All heavy atoms as atom14 arrays in JSON, in Angstrom:
{
  "sequence": "VCELLSYYYPMPVIRLGVNDTFGQSGKWDELL",
  "atom14_mask": [
    [1, 1, 1, 1, 1, 1, 1, 0, 0, 0, 0, 0, 0, 0],
    [1, 1, 1, 1, 1, 1, 0, 0, 0, 0, 0, 0, 0, 0],
    [1, 1, 1, 1, 1, 1, 1, 1, 1, 0, 0, 0, 0, 0],
    [1, 1, 1, 1, 1, 1, 1, 1, 0, 0, 0, 0, 0, 0],
    [1, 1, 1, 1, 1, 1, 1, 1, 0, 0, 0, 0, 0, 0],
    [1, 1, 1, 1, 1, 1, 0, 0, 0, 0, 0, 0, 0, 0],
    [1, 1, 1, 1, 1, 1, 1, 1, 1, 1, 1, 1, 0, 0],
    [1, 1, 1, 1, 1, 1, 1, 1, 1, 1, 1, 1, 0, 0],
    [1, 1, 1, 1, 1, 1, 1, 1, 1, 1, 1, 1, 0, 0],
    [1, 1, 1, 1, 1, 1, 1, 0, 0, 0, 0, 0, 0, 0],
    [1, 1, 1, 1, 1, 1, 1, 1, 0, 0, 0, 0, 0, 0],
    [1, 1, 1, 1, 1, 1, 1, 0, 0, 0, 0, 0, 0, 0],
    [1, 1, 1, 1, 1, 1, 1, 0, 0, 0, 0, 0, 0, 0],
    [1, 1, 1, 1, 1, 1, 1, 1, 0, 0, 0, 0, 0, 0],
    [1, 1, 1, 1, 1, 1, 1, 1, 1, 1, 1, 0, 0, 0],
    [1, 1, 1, 1, 1, 1, 1, 1, 0, 0, 0, 0, 0, 0],
    [1, 1, 1, 1, 0, 0, 0, 0, 0, 0, 0, 0, 0, 0],
    [1, 1, 1, 1, 1, 1, 1, 0, 0, 0, 0, 0, 0, 0],
    [1, 1, 1, 1, 1, 1, 1, 1, 0, 0, 0, 0, 0, 0],
    [1, 1, 1, 1, 1, 1, 1, 1, 0, 0, 0, 0, 0, 0],
    [1, 1, 1, 1, 1, 1, 1, 0, 0, 0, 0, 0, 0, 0],
    [1, 1, 1, 1, 1, 1, 1, 1, 1, 1, 1, 0, 0, 0],
    [1, 1, 1, 1, 0, 0, 0, 0, 0, 0, 0, 0, 0, 0],
    [1, 1, 1, 1, 1, 1, 1, 1, 1, 0, 0, 0, 0, 0],
    [1, 1, 1, 1, 1, 1, 0, 0, 0, 0, 0, 0, 0, 0],
    [1, 1, 1, 1, 0, 0, 0, 0, 0, 0, 0, 0, 0, 0],
    [1, 1, 1, 1, 1, 1, 1, 1, 1, 0, 0, 0, 0, 0],
    [1, 1, 1, 1, 1, 1, 1, 1, 1, 1, 1, 1, 1, 1],
    [1, 1, 1, 1, 1, 1, 1, 1, 0, 0, 0, 0, 0, 0],
    [1, 1, 1, 1, 1, 1, 1, 1, 1, 0, 0, 0, 0, 0],
    [1, 1, 1, 1, 1, 1, 1, 1, 0, 0, 0, 0, 0, 0],
    [1, 1, 1, 1, 1, 1, 1, 1, 0, 0, 0, 0, 0, 0]
  ],
  "atom14_positions": [
    [[99.27, 100.65, 102.25], [99.79, 102.0, 102.44], [99.86, 102.74, 101.11], [99.49, 103.92, 101.01], [101.17, 101.96, 103.12], [101.82, 103.34, 103.13], [101.05, 101.42, 104.54], [0.0, 0.0, 0.0], [0.0, 0.0, 0.0], [0.0, 0.0, 0.0], [0.0, 0.0, 0.0], [0.0, 0.0, 0.0], [0.0, 0.0, 0.0], [0.0, 0.0, 0.0]],
    [[100.31, 102.05, 100.06], [100.37, 102.68, 98.73], [98.99, 103.1, 98.25], [98.82, 104.2, 97.69], [100.99, 101.7, 97.73], [102.78, 101.49, 97.9], [0.0, 0.0, 0.0], [0.0, 0.0, 0.0], [0.0, 0.0, 0.0], [0.0, 0.0, 0.0], [0.0, 0.0, 0.0], [0.0, 0.0, 0.0], [0.0, 0.0, 0.0], [0.0, 0.0, 0.0]],
    [[98.01, 102.25, 98.43], [96.65, 102.56, 98.0], [96.12, 103.79, 98.74], [95.47, 104.66, 98.14], [95.74, 101.36, 98.25], [96.04, 100.16, 97.35], [95.48, 98.86, 97.89], [94.68, 98.91, 98.85], [95.85, 97.79, 97.38], [0.0, 0.0, 0.0], [0.0, 0.0, 0.0], [0.0, 0.0, 0.0], [0.0, 0.0, 0.0], [0.0, 0.0, 0.0]],
    [[96.41, 103.87, 100.02], [95.95, 104.99, 100.82], [96.62, 106.3, 100.4], [95.96, 107.3, 100.11], [96.24, 104.72, 102.3], [96.01, 105.87, 103.27], [94.52, 106.17, 103.39], [96.62, 105.56, 104.63], [0.0, 0.0, 0.0], [0.0, 0.0, 0.0], [0.0, 0.0, 0.0], [0.0, 0.0, 0.0], [0.0, 0.0, 0.0], [0.0, 0.0, 0.0]],
    [[97.97, 106.3, 100.36], [98.7, 107.53, 100.1], [98.54, 108.0, 98.66], [98.58, 109.21, 98.39], [100.17, 107.35, 100.44], [100.47, 107.14, 101.94], [101.97, 106.93, 102.15], [99.98, 108.32, 102.77], [0.0, 0.0, 0.0], [0.0, 0.0, 0.0], [0.0, 0.0, 0.0], [0.0, 0.0, 0.0], [0.0, 0.0, 0.0], [0.0, 0.0, 0.0]],
    [[98.39, 107.08, 97.72], [98.25, 107.49, 96.32], [97.01, 108.35, 96.12], [96.97, 109.21, 95.23], [98.18, 106.26, 95.4], [96.99, 105.52, 95.62], [0.0, 0.0, 0.0], [0.0, 0.0, 0.0], [0.0, 0.0, 0.0], [0.0, 0.0, 0.0], [0.0, 0.0, 0.0], [0.0, 0.0, 0.0], [0.0, 0.0, 0.0], [0.0, 0.0, 0.0]],
    [[96.02, 108.15, 96.96], [94.77, 108.92, 96.84], [94.8, 110.2, 97.67], [94.41, 111.28, 97.2], [93.58, 108.06, 97.26], [92.23, 108.7, 97.01], [91.61, 108.59, 95.77], [91.58, 109.42, 98.01], [90.38, 109.18, 95.53], [90.35, 110.02, 97.78], [89.75, 109.9, 96.54], [88.54, 110.5, 96.3], [0.0, 0.0, 0.0], [0.0, 0.0, 0.0]],
    [[95.27, 110.1, 98.92], [95.15, 111.22, 99.85], [96.41, 112.08, 99.95], [96.32, 113.27, 100.25], [94.79, 110.7, 101.24], [93.39, 110.16, 101.33], [93.16, 108.79, 101.31], [92.3, 111.01, 101.41], [91.87, 108.28, 101.38], [91.01, 110.52, 101.49], [90.8, 109.15, 101.46], [89.52, 108.66, 101.53], [0.0, 0.0, 0.0], [0.0, 0.0, 0.0]],
    [[97.59, 111.48, 99.74], [98.82, 112.25, 99.89], [99.93, 111.57, 99.08], [100.79, 110.89, 99.65], [99.22, 112.36, 101.36], [100.29, 113.39, 101.63], [99.99, 114.75, 101.63], [101.61, 113.01, 101.85], [100.96, 115.71, 101.87], [102.6, 113.96, 102.1], [102.27, 115.31, 102.09], [103.24, 116.25, 102.33], [0.0, 0.0, 0.0], [0.0, 0.0, 0.0]],
    [[99.92, 111.73, 97.75], [100.89, 111.03, 96.9], [102.33, 111.35, 97.28], [102.71, 112.52, 97.39], [100.55, 111.55, 95.5], [99.12, 111.96, 95.57], [98.95, 112.52, 96.96], [0.0, 0.0, 0.0], [0.0, 0.0, 0.0], [0.0, 0.0, 0.0], [0.0, 0.0, 0.0], [0.0, 0.0, 0.0], [0.0, 0.0, 0.0], [0.0, 0.0, 0.0]],
    [[103.11, 110.3, 97.51], [104.52, 110.44, 97.87], [105.21, 109.1, 97.61], [104.56, 108.08, 97.46], [104.67, 110.86, 99.33], [104.24, 109.8, 100.32], [104.32, 110.37, 102.05], [106.0, 110.94, 102.17], [0.0, 0.0, 0.0], [0.0, 0.0, 0.0], [0.0, 0.0, 0.0], [0.0, 0.0, 0.0], [0.0, 0.0, 0.0], [0.0, 0.0, 0.0]],
    [[106.55, 109.1, 97.54], [107.26, 107.84, 97.29], [107.09, 106.85, 98.44], [107.19, 107.22, 99.61], [108.72, 108.27, 97.17], [108.68, 109.74, 96.86], [107.48, 110.25, 97.57], [0.0, 0.0, 0.0], [0.0, 0.0, 0.0], [0.0, 0.0, 0.0], [0.0, 0.0, 0.0], [0.0, 0.0, 0.0], [0.0, 0.0, 0.0], [0.0, 0.0, 0.0]],
    [[106.8, 105.6, 98.09], [106.71, 104.51, 99.06], [107.58, 103.36, 98.56], [107.41, 102.89, 97.44], [105.26, 104.02, 99.24], [105.23, 102.85, 100.24], [104.35, 105.14, 99.73], [0.0, 0.0, 0.0], [0.0, 0.0, 0.0], [0.0, 0.0, 0.0], [0.0, 0.0, 0.0], [0.0, 0.0, 0.0], [0.0, 0.0, 0.0], [0.0, 0.0, 0.0]],
    [[108.52, 102.93, 99.39], [109.38, 101.79, 99.07], [108.92, 100.61, 99.89], [108.87, 100.68, 101.13], [110.86, 102.13, 99.37], [111.31, 103.29, 98.48], [111.75, 100.91, 99.17], [112.6, 103.92, 98.93], [0.0, 0.0, 0.0], [0.0, 0.0, 0.0], [0.0, 0.0, 0.0], [0.0, 0.0, 0.0], [0.0, 0.0, 0.0], [0.0, 0.0, 0.0]],
    [[108.57, 99.52, 99.23], [108.05, 98.34, 99.92], [109.16, 97.3, 100.09], [109.75, 96.86, 99.11], [106.9, 97.73, 99.13], [105.64, 98.6, 99.06], [104.66, 98.07, 98.04], [105.22, 98.11, 96.69], [104.78, 97.36, 95.67], [103.81, 96.49, 95.87], [105.32, 97.47, 94.49], [0.0, 0.0, 0.0], [0.0, 0.0, 0.0], [0.0, 0.0, 0.0]],
    [[109.41, 96.91, 101.33], [110.38, 95.87, 101.62], [109.64, 94.64, 102.14], [108.84, 94.73, 103.07], [111.39, 96.35, 102.67], [112.2, 97.6, 102.32], [113.17, 97.93, 103.45], [112.96, 97.43, 101.01], [0.0, 0.0, 0.0], [0.0, 0.0, 0.0], [0.0, 0.0, 0.0], [0.0, 0.0, 0.0], [0.0, 0.0, 0.0], [0.0, 0.0, 0.0]],
    [[109.93, 93.53, 101.51], [109.29, 92.27, 101.87], [109.8, 91.21, 100.92], [110.93, 91.3, 100.43], [0.0, 0.0, 0.0], [0.0, 0.0, 0.0], [0.0, 0.0, 0.0], [0.0, 0.0, 0.0], [0.0, 0.0, 0.0], [0.0, 0.0, 0.0], [0.0, 0.0, 0.0], [0.0, 0.0, 0.0], [0.0, 0.0, 0.0], [0.0, 0.0, 0.0]],
    [[108.98, 90.23, 100.63], [109.35, 89.21, 99.65], [108.87, 89.68, 98.29], [107.68, 89.95, 98.1], [108.75, 87.84, 100.03], [109.13, 86.79, 99.0], [109.23, 87.43, 101.42], [0.0, 0.0, 0.0], [0.0, 0.0, 0.0], [0.0, 0.0, 0.0], [0.0, 0.0, 0.0], [0.0, 0.0, 0.0], [0.0, 0.0, 0.0], [0.0, 0.0, 0.0]],
    [[109.8, 89.78, 97.35], [109.54, 90.45, 96.09], [108.99, 89.5, 95.02], [109.69, 89.05, 94.13], [110.83, 91.12, 95.58], [110.56, 92.1, 94.45], [109.42, 92.33, 94.08], [111.61, 92.68, 93.92], [0.0, 0.0, 0.0], [0.0, 0.0, 0.0], [0.0, 0.0, 0.0], [0.0, 0.0, 0.0], [0.0, 0.0, 0.0], [0.0, 0.0, 0.0]],
    [[107.69, 89.19, 95.14], [106.96, 88.4, 94.15], [107.68, 87.08, 93.83], [107.93, 86.76, 92.67], [106.77, 89.22, 92.86], [105.75, 88.57, 91.91], [104.94, 87.76, 92.39], [105.8, 88.88, 90.71], [0.0, 0.0, 0.0], [0.0, 0.0, 0.0], [0.0, 0.0, 0.0], [0.0, 0.0, 0.0], [0.0, 0.0, 0.0], [0.0, 0.0, 0.0]],
    [[107.99, 86.34, 94.88], [108.61, 85.03, 94.69], [108.14, 84.12, 95.81], [107.61, 84.58, 96.82], [110.15, 85.15, 94.71], [110.73, 83.87, 94.43], [110.65, 85.64, 96.06], [0.0, 0.0, 0.0], [0.0, 0.0, 0.0], [0.0, 0.0, 0.0], [0.0, 0.0, 0.0], [0.0, 0.0, 0.0], [0.0, 0.0, 0.0], [0.0, 0.0, 0.0]],
    [[108.32, 82.82, 95.63], [108.02, 81.88, 96.7], [109.17, 81.88, 97.7], [110.29, 82.3, 97.4], [107.82, 80.47, 96.13], [106.54, 80.31, 95.36], [106.54, 80.29, 93.98], [105.33, 80.18, 96.03], [105.37, 80.14, 93.27], [104.14, 80.02, 95.33], [104.15, 80.01, 93.94], [0.0, 0.0, 0.0], [0.0, 0.0, 0.0], [0.0, 0.0, 0.0]],
    [[108.89, 81.38, 98.9], [109.92, 81.24, 99.9], [110.8, 80.04, 99.59], [110.74, 79.46, 98.5], [0.0, 0.0, 0.0], [0.0, 0.0, 0.0], [0.0, 0.0, 0.0], [0.0, 0.0, 0.0], [0.0, 0.0, 0.0], [0.0, 0.0, 0.0], [0.0, 0.0, 0.0], [0.0, 0.0, 0.0], [0.0, 0.0, 0.0], [0.0, 0.0, 0.0]],
    [[111.62, 79.65, 100.55], [112.51, 78.5, 100.38], [112.86, 77.94, 101.74], [112.63, 78.57, 102.77], [113.78, 78.91, 99.64], [114.55, 80.03, 100.31], [115.7, 80.53, 99.47], [116.56, 79.76, 99.07], [115.7, 81.82, 99.19], [0.0, 0.0, 0.0], [0.0, 0.0, 0.0], [0.0, 0.0, 0.0], [0.0, 0.0, 0.0], [0.0, 0.0, 0.0]],
    [[113.42, 76.75, 101.74], [113.79, 76.1, 102.99], [115.09, 76.67, 103.53], [116.03, 76.93, 102.77], [113.93, 74.59, 102.76], [114.26, 73.94, 103.97], [0.0, 0.0, 0.0], [0.0, 0.0, 0.0], [0.0, 0.0, 0.0], [0.0, 0.0, 0.0], [0.0, 0.0, 0.0], [0.0, 0.0, 0.0], [0.0, 0.0, 0.0], [0.0, 0.0, 0.0]],
    [[115.15, 76.85, 104.85], [116.35, 77.36, 105.49], [116.06, 77.73, 106.92], [114.9, 77.74, 107.35], [0.0, 0.0, 0.0], [0.0, 0.0, 0.0], [0.0, 0.0, 0.0], [0.0, 0.0, 0.0], [0.0, 0.0, 0.0], [0.0, 0.0, 0.0], [0.0, 0.0, 0.0], [0.0, 0.0, 0.0], [0.0, 0.0, 0.0], [0.0, 0.0, 0.0]],
    [[117.08, 78.04, 107.68], [116.87, 78.5, 109.05], [116.18, 79.85, 109.02], [116.47, 80.7, 108.18], [118.2, 78.59, 109.78], [118.88, 77.23, 109.99], [120.2, 77.37, 110.73], [120.84, 76.01, 110.94], [122.14, 76.11, 111.66], [0.0, 0.0, 0.0], [0.0, 0.0, 0.0], [0.0, 0.0, 0.0], [0.0, 0.0, 0.0], [0.0, 0.0, 0.0]],
    [[115.29, 80.05, 109.98], [114.45, 81.24, 109.94], [115.25, 82.54, 109.94], [114.92, 83.48, 109.2], [113.46, 81.24, 111.11], [114.08, 81.45, 112.46], [114.51, 80.5, 113.33], [114.37, 82.71, 113.08], [115.04, 81.07, 114.46], [114.97, 82.43, 114.34], [114.18, 84.05, 112.71], [115.38, 83.44, 115.21], [114.59, 85.05, 113.58], [115.18, 84.75, 114.82]],
    [[116.33, 82.58, 110.73], [117.11, 83.82, 110.8], [117.9, 84.06, 109.52], [118.09, 85.21, 109.09], [118.03, 83.81, 112.02], [118.91, 82.58, 112.1], [118.61, 81.57, 111.45], [119.92, 82.64, 112.83], [0.0, 0.0, 0.0], [0.0, 0.0, 0.0], [0.0, 0.0, 0.0], [0.0, 0.0, 0.0], [0.0, 0.0, 0.0], [0.0, 0.0, 0.0]],
    [[118.33, 82.98, 108.89], [119.03, 83.12, 107.62], [118.09, 83.58, 106.52], [118.48, 84.37, 105.64], [119.69, 81.8, 107.23], [120.83, 81.39, 108.18], [121.41, 80.03, 107.84], [120.83, 79.33, 106.97], [122.43, 79.66, 108.43], [0.0, 0.0, 0.0], [0.0, 0.0, 0.0], [0.0, 0.0, 0.0], [0.0, 0.0, 0.0], [0.0, 0.0, 0.0]],
    [[116.85, 83.13, 106.57], [115.87, 83.56, 105.57], [115.49, 85.03, 105.78], [115.33, 85.78, 104.82], [114.62, 82.68, 105.65], [114.81, 81.24, 105.16], [113.58, 80.4, 105.46], [115.13, 81.2, 103.67], [0.0, 0.0, 0.0], [0.0, 0.0, 0.0], [0.0, 0.0, 0.0], [0.0, 0.0, 0.0], [0.0, 0.0, 0.0], [0.0, 0.0, 0.0]],
    [[115.37, 85.42, 107.03], [115.09, 86.84, 107.31], [116.2, 87.71, 106.75], [115.94, 88.79, 106.18], [114.95, 87.04, 108.82], [113.98, 88.12, 109.31], [112.57, 87.86, 108.84], [114.01, 88.2, 110.83], [0.0, 0.0, 0.0], [0.0, 0.0, 0.0], [0.0, 0.0, 0.0], [0.0, 0.0, 0.0], [0.0, 0.0, 0.0], [0.0, 0.0, 0.0]]
  ]
}
């Protein structure tokens, strides 16, 4: 999305996900 909008319609994009780290062991809902 950032690559697309930066070219055609520049605007702020906030990315939510895993922030450049490995995962870890735990219950799936607790990890979410």
